[in-house]
């Protein structure tokens, strides 16, 4: 069994409206040394698979087909082995 943490963010150079809003709010609270804020998605997936290579392959497919929009988003992930519960 594996657990994957998937991180999805806008590609560099694309406008991130949430990040801009958060940066503005932080600056208005007095946090003046912020140069940029980027907002993304975090997804945790438990995979019932015994083969790590197969789990990685399936996770890549999930990210490319559903979890991210490859036109405007990048993704990265960590995959960890978990004991059966």
N, C-alpha and C. Protein backbone atom coordinates (compact mmCIF):
# COMPACT_ATOMS: atom_id res chain seq x y z
N UNK A 1 0.85 -1.18 0.00
CA UNK A 1 0.00 0.00 0.00
C UNK A 1 0.89 1.24 0.00
N UNK A 2 0.49 2.22 -0.77
CA UNK A 2 1.25 3.46 -0.87
C UNK A 2 0.34 4.66 -0.61
N UNK A 3 0.96 5.73 -0.16
CA UNK A 3 0.24 6.99 0.00
C UNK A 3 0.98 8.03 -0.84
N UNK A 4 0.21 8.77 -1.61
CA UNK A 4 0.81 9.79 -2.47
C UNK A 4 0.31 11.17 -2.06
N UNK A 5 1.23 12.12 -2.05
CA UNK A 5 0.88 13.52 -1.86
C UNK A 5 1.13 14.22 -3.19
N UNK A 6 0.08 14.83 -3.73
CA UNK A 6 0.17 15.48 -5.02
C UNK A 6 0.04 16.99 -4.81
N UNK A 7 0.95 17.75 -5.41
CA UNK A 7 0.95 19.21 -5.31
C UNK A 7 0.76 19.77 -6.71
N UNK A 8 -0.27 20.59 -6.89
CA UNK A 8 -0.59 21.15 -8.20
C UNK A 8 -0.56 22.67 -8.11
N UNK A 9 0.17 23.31 -9.04
CA UNK A 9 0.27 24.77 -9.05
C UNK A 9 0.16 25.27 -10.48
N UNK A 10 -0.18 26.55 -10.61
CA UNK A 10 -0.19 27.17 -11.93
C UNK A 10 1.23 27.17 -12.48
N UNK A 11 1.35 27.07 -13.78
CA UNK A 11 2.65 27.16 -14.42
C UNK A 11 3.23 28.56 -14.19
N UNK A 12 4.55 28.62 -14.13
CA UNK A 12 5.24 29.89 -13.94
C UNK A 12 4.84 30.85 -15.05
N UNK A 13 4.59 32.08 -14.69
CA UNK A 13 4.24 33.09 -15.67
C UNK A 13 2.74 33.28 -15.85
N UNK A 14 1.94 32.34 -15.35
CA UNK A 14 0.49 32.49 -15.43
C UNK A 14 -0.02 33.29 -14.24
N UNK A 15 -1.03 34.06 -14.47
CA UNK A 15 -1.64 34.86 -13.41
C UNK A 15 -2.26 33.94 -12.35
N UNK A 16 -2.00 34.24 -11.09
CA UNK A 16 -2.56 33.48 -9.96
C UNK A 16 -3.38 34.46 -9.13
N UNK A 17 -4.68 34.63 -9.44
CA UNK A 17 -5.50 35.62 -8.75
C UNK A 17 -5.57 35.41 -7.23
N UNK A 18 -5.66 34.16 -6.78
CA UNK A 18 -5.70 33.91 -5.34
C UNK A 18 -4.39 34.32 -4.69
N UNK A 19 -3.29 33.99 -5.35
CA UNK A 19 -1.98 34.37 -4.82
C UNK A 19 -1.83 35.88 -4.71
N UNK A 20 -2.32 36.59 -5.71
CA UNK A 20 -2.26 38.07 -5.69
C UNK A 20 -3.09 38.61 -4.54
N UNK A 21 -4.29 38.06 -4.35
CA UNK A 21 -5.17 38.52 -3.26
C UNK A 21 -4.54 38.25 -1.90
N UNK A 22 -3.96 37.07 -1.73
CA UNK A 22 -3.33 36.73 -0.45
C UNK A 22 -2.12 37.63 -0.20
N UNK A 23 -1.33 37.86 -1.24
CA UNK A 23 -0.17 38.75 -1.08
C UNK A 23 -0.62 40.13 -0.64
N UNK A 24 -1.67 40.66 -1.29
CA UNK A 24 -2.18 41.98 -0.91
C UNK A 24 -2.65 42.02 0.54
N UNK A 25 -3.34 40.96 0.97
CA UNK A 25 -3.81 40.90 2.36
C UNK A 25 -2.64 40.83 3.34
N UNK A 26 -1.63 40.04 3.01
CA UNK A 26 -0.47 39.93 3.89
C UNK A 26 0.29 41.25 3.98
N UNK A 27 0.45 41.94 2.85
CA UNK A 27 1.12 43.24 2.86
C UNK A 27 0.32 44.23 3.70
N UNK A 28 -1.02 44.19 3.57
CA UNK A 28 -1.85 45.11 4.36
C UNK A 28 -1.77 44.82 5.86
N UNK A 29 -1.38 43.59 6.21
CA UNK A 29 -1.19 43.24 7.62
C UNK A 29 0.22 43.57 8.11
N UNK A 30 1.04 44.14 7.23
CA UNK A 30 2.36 44.58 7.65
C UNK A 30 3.50 43.65 7.25
N UNK A 31 3.22 42.61 6.51
CA UNK A 31 4.27 41.70 6.06
C UNK A 31 4.80 42.21 4.72
N UNK A 32 5.75 43.13 4.81
CA UNK A 32 6.21 43.87 3.64
C UNK A 32 7.27 43.15 2.79
N UNK A 33 7.93 42.13 3.31
CA UNK A 33 8.99 41.51 2.53
C UNK A 33 8.51 40.30 1.73
N UNK A 34 7.29 40.29 1.28
CA UNK A 34 6.77 39.21 0.44
C UNK A 34 6.87 39.64 -1.01
N UNK A 35 7.57 38.83 -1.82
CA UNK A 35 7.70 39.20 -3.23
C UNK A 35 6.67 38.49 -4.10
N UNK A 36 6.18 37.32 -3.68
CA UNK A 36 5.21 36.60 -4.49
C UNK A 36 4.50 35.56 -3.64
N UNK A 37 3.27 35.27 -3.98
CA UNK A 37 2.50 34.19 -3.35
C UNK A 37 1.86 33.38 -4.46
N UNK A 38 2.02 32.08 -4.42
CA UNK A 38 1.39 31.17 -5.38
C UNK A 38 0.50 30.21 -4.59
N UNK A 39 -0.70 30.00 -5.07
CA UNK A 39 -1.65 29.11 -4.41
C UNK A 39 -1.82 27.87 -5.28
N UNK A 40 -1.96 26.71 -4.65
CA UNK A 40 -2.12 25.48 -5.40
C UNK A 40 -3.08 24.54 -4.70
N UNK A 41 -3.07 23.31 -5.17
CA UNK A 41 -3.91 22.27 -4.59
C UNK A 41 -3.02 21.18 -4.01
N UNK A 42 -3.49 20.59 -2.92
CA UNK A 42 -2.82 19.45 -2.28
C UNK A 42 -3.82 18.31 -2.24
N UNK A 43 -3.42 17.16 -2.75
CA UNK A 43 -4.30 16.00 -2.79
C UNK A 43 -3.55 14.81 -2.20
N UNK A 44 -4.19 14.11 -1.27
CA UNK A 44 -3.60 12.92 -0.66
C UNK A 44 -4.39 11.70 -1.17
N UNK A 45 -3.68 10.73 -1.72
CA UNK A 45 -4.32 9.55 -2.30
C UNK A 45 -3.68 8.29 -1.71
N UNK A 46 -4.52 7.38 -1.23
CA UNK A 46 -4.04 6.08 -0.77
C UNK A 46 -4.23 5.07 -1.90
N UNK A 47 -3.16 4.40 -2.26
CA UNK A 47 -3.17 3.46 -3.38
C UNK A 47 -3.01 2.04 -2.85
N UNK A 48 -3.98 1.19 -3.14
CA UNK A 48 -3.91 -0.21 -2.75
C UNK A 48 -3.18 -0.99 -3.83
N UNK A 49 -1.88 -0.85 -3.82
CA UNK A 49 -1.05 -1.46 -4.84
C UNK A 49 0.22 -1.95 -4.17
N UNK A 50 0.70 -3.12 -4.55
CA UNK A 50 1.91 -3.68 -3.95
C UNK A 50 3.17 -3.32 -4.72
N UNK A 51 3.03 -2.91 -5.96
CA UNK A 51 4.17 -2.62 -6.83
C UNK A 51 4.35 -1.11 -6.95
N UNK A 52 5.48 -0.60 -6.47
CA UNK A 52 5.71 0.84 -6.46
C UNK A 52 5.76 1.43 -7.86
N UNK A 53 6.38 0.73 -8.80
CA UNK A 53 6.45 1.24 -10.18
C UNK A 53 5.05 1.35 -10.78
N UNK A 54 4.20 0.37 -10.53
CA UNK A 54 2.81 0.39 -11.02
C UNK A 54 2.04 1.53 -10.35
N UNK A 55 2.25 1.72 -9.05
CA UNK A 55 1.58 2.81 -8.33
C UNK A 55 2.00 4.16 -8.91
N UNK A 56 3.30 4.34 -9.20
CA UNK A 56 3.79 5.59 -9.79
C UNK A 56 3.17 5.81 -11.17
N UNK A 57 3.13 4.76 -11.96
CA UNK A 57 2.56 4.86 -13.31
C UNK A 57 1.09 5.27 -13.25
N UNK A 58 0.33 4.65 -12.36
CA UNK A 58 -1.08 5.00 -12.22
C UNK A 58 -1.25 6.43 -11.72
N UNK A 59 -0.40 6.84 -10.79
CA UNK A 59 -0.47 8.20 -10.26
C UNK A 59 -0.16 9.22 -11.35
N UNK A 60 0.82 8.95 -12.18
CA UNK A 60 1.14 9.83 -13.31
C UNK A 60 -0.09 9.98 -14.22
N UNK A 61 -0.75 8.88 -14.51
CA UNK A 61 -1.95 8.92 -15.35
C UNK A 61 -3.05 9.76 -14.70
N UNK A 62 -3.27 9.56 -13.41
CA UNK A 62 -4.30 10.31 -12.69
C UNK A 62 -4.03 11.81 -12.76
N UNK A 63 -2.76 12.18 -12.54
CA UNK A 63 -2.39 13.59 -12.57
C UNK A 63 -2.59 14.18 -13.96
N UNK A 64 -2.18 13.46 -14.98
CA UNK A 64 -2.26 13.97 -16.35
C UNK A 64 -3.69 14.01 -16.88
N UNK A 65 -4.51 13.03 -16.49
CA UNK A 65 -5.86 12.92 -17.05
C UNK A 65 -6.93 13.67 -16.27
N UNK A 66 -6.76 13.81 -14.95
CA UNK A 66 -7.85 14.37 -14.16
C UNK A 66 -7.42 15.42 -13.13
N UNK A 67 -6.38 15.13 -12.38
CA UNK A 67 -6.06 15.97 -11.22
C UNK A 67 -5.50 17.34 -11.59
N UNK A 68 -4.81 17.42 -12.71
CA UNK A 68 -4.26 18.71 -13.13
C UNK A 68 -4.70 19.02 -14.55
N UNK A 69 -4.63 20.31 -14.88
CA UNK A 69 -4.87 20.75 -16.24
C UNK A 69 -3.49 21.00 -16.85
N UNK A 70 -3.00 20.10 -17.70
CA UNK A 70 -1.63 20.22 -18.19
C UNK A 70 -1.35 21.47 -19.01
N UNK A 71 -2.39 22.15 -19.47
CA UNK A 71 -2.19 23.39 -20.23
C UNK A 71 -1.72 24.52 -19.32
N UNK A 72 -2.27 24.59 -18.10
CA UNK A 72 -1.97 25.72 -17.23
C UNK A 72 -1.35 25.33 -15.88
N UNK A 73 -1.27 24.03 -15.58
CA UNK A 73 -0.78 23.62 -14.27
C UNK A 73 0.38 22.64 -14.38
N UNK A 74 1.24 22.70 -13.37
CA UNK A 74 2.29 21.72 -13.16
C UNK A 74 1.90 20.88 -11.95
N UNK A 75 2.43 19.68 -11.89
CA UNK A 75 2.22 18.86 -10.71
C UNK A 75 3.52 18.16 -10.33
N UNK A 76 3.59 17.84 -9.07
CA UNK A 76 4.68 17.02 -8.55
C UNK A 76 4.08 16.18 -7.44
N UNK A 77 4.73 15.10 -7.11
CA UNK A 77 4.18 14.25 -6.07
C UNK A 77 5.28 13.54 -5.31
N UNK A 78 4.90 13.09 -4.13
CA UNK A 78 5.73 12.22 -3.31
C UNK A 78 4.92 10.95 -3.10
N UNK A 79 5.55 9.81 -3.21
CA UNK A 79 4.87 8.56 -2.97
C UNK A 79 5.63 7.80 -1.89
N UNK A 80 4.89 7.35 -0.87
CA UNK A 80 5.50 6.71 0.28
C UNK A 80 4.83 5.37 0.55
N UNK A 81 5.61 4.42 0.97
CA UNK A 81 5.06 3.12 1.32
C UNK A 81 4.43 3.21 2.70
N UNK A 82 3.24 2.66 2.84
CA UNK A 82 2.51 2.66 4.11
C UNK A 82 2.20 1.22 4.48
N UNK A 83 2.19 0.97 5.76
CA UNK A 83 1.82 -0.38 6.21
C UNK A 83 0.32 -0.55 6.04
N UNK A 84 -0.13 -1.77 5.80
CA UNK A 84 -1.56 -2.05 5.64
C UNK A 84 -2.29 -1.78 6.94
N UNK A 85 -3.45 -1.17 6.83
CA UNK A 85 -4.24 -0.84 8.03
C UNK A 85 -5.48 -1.67 8.08
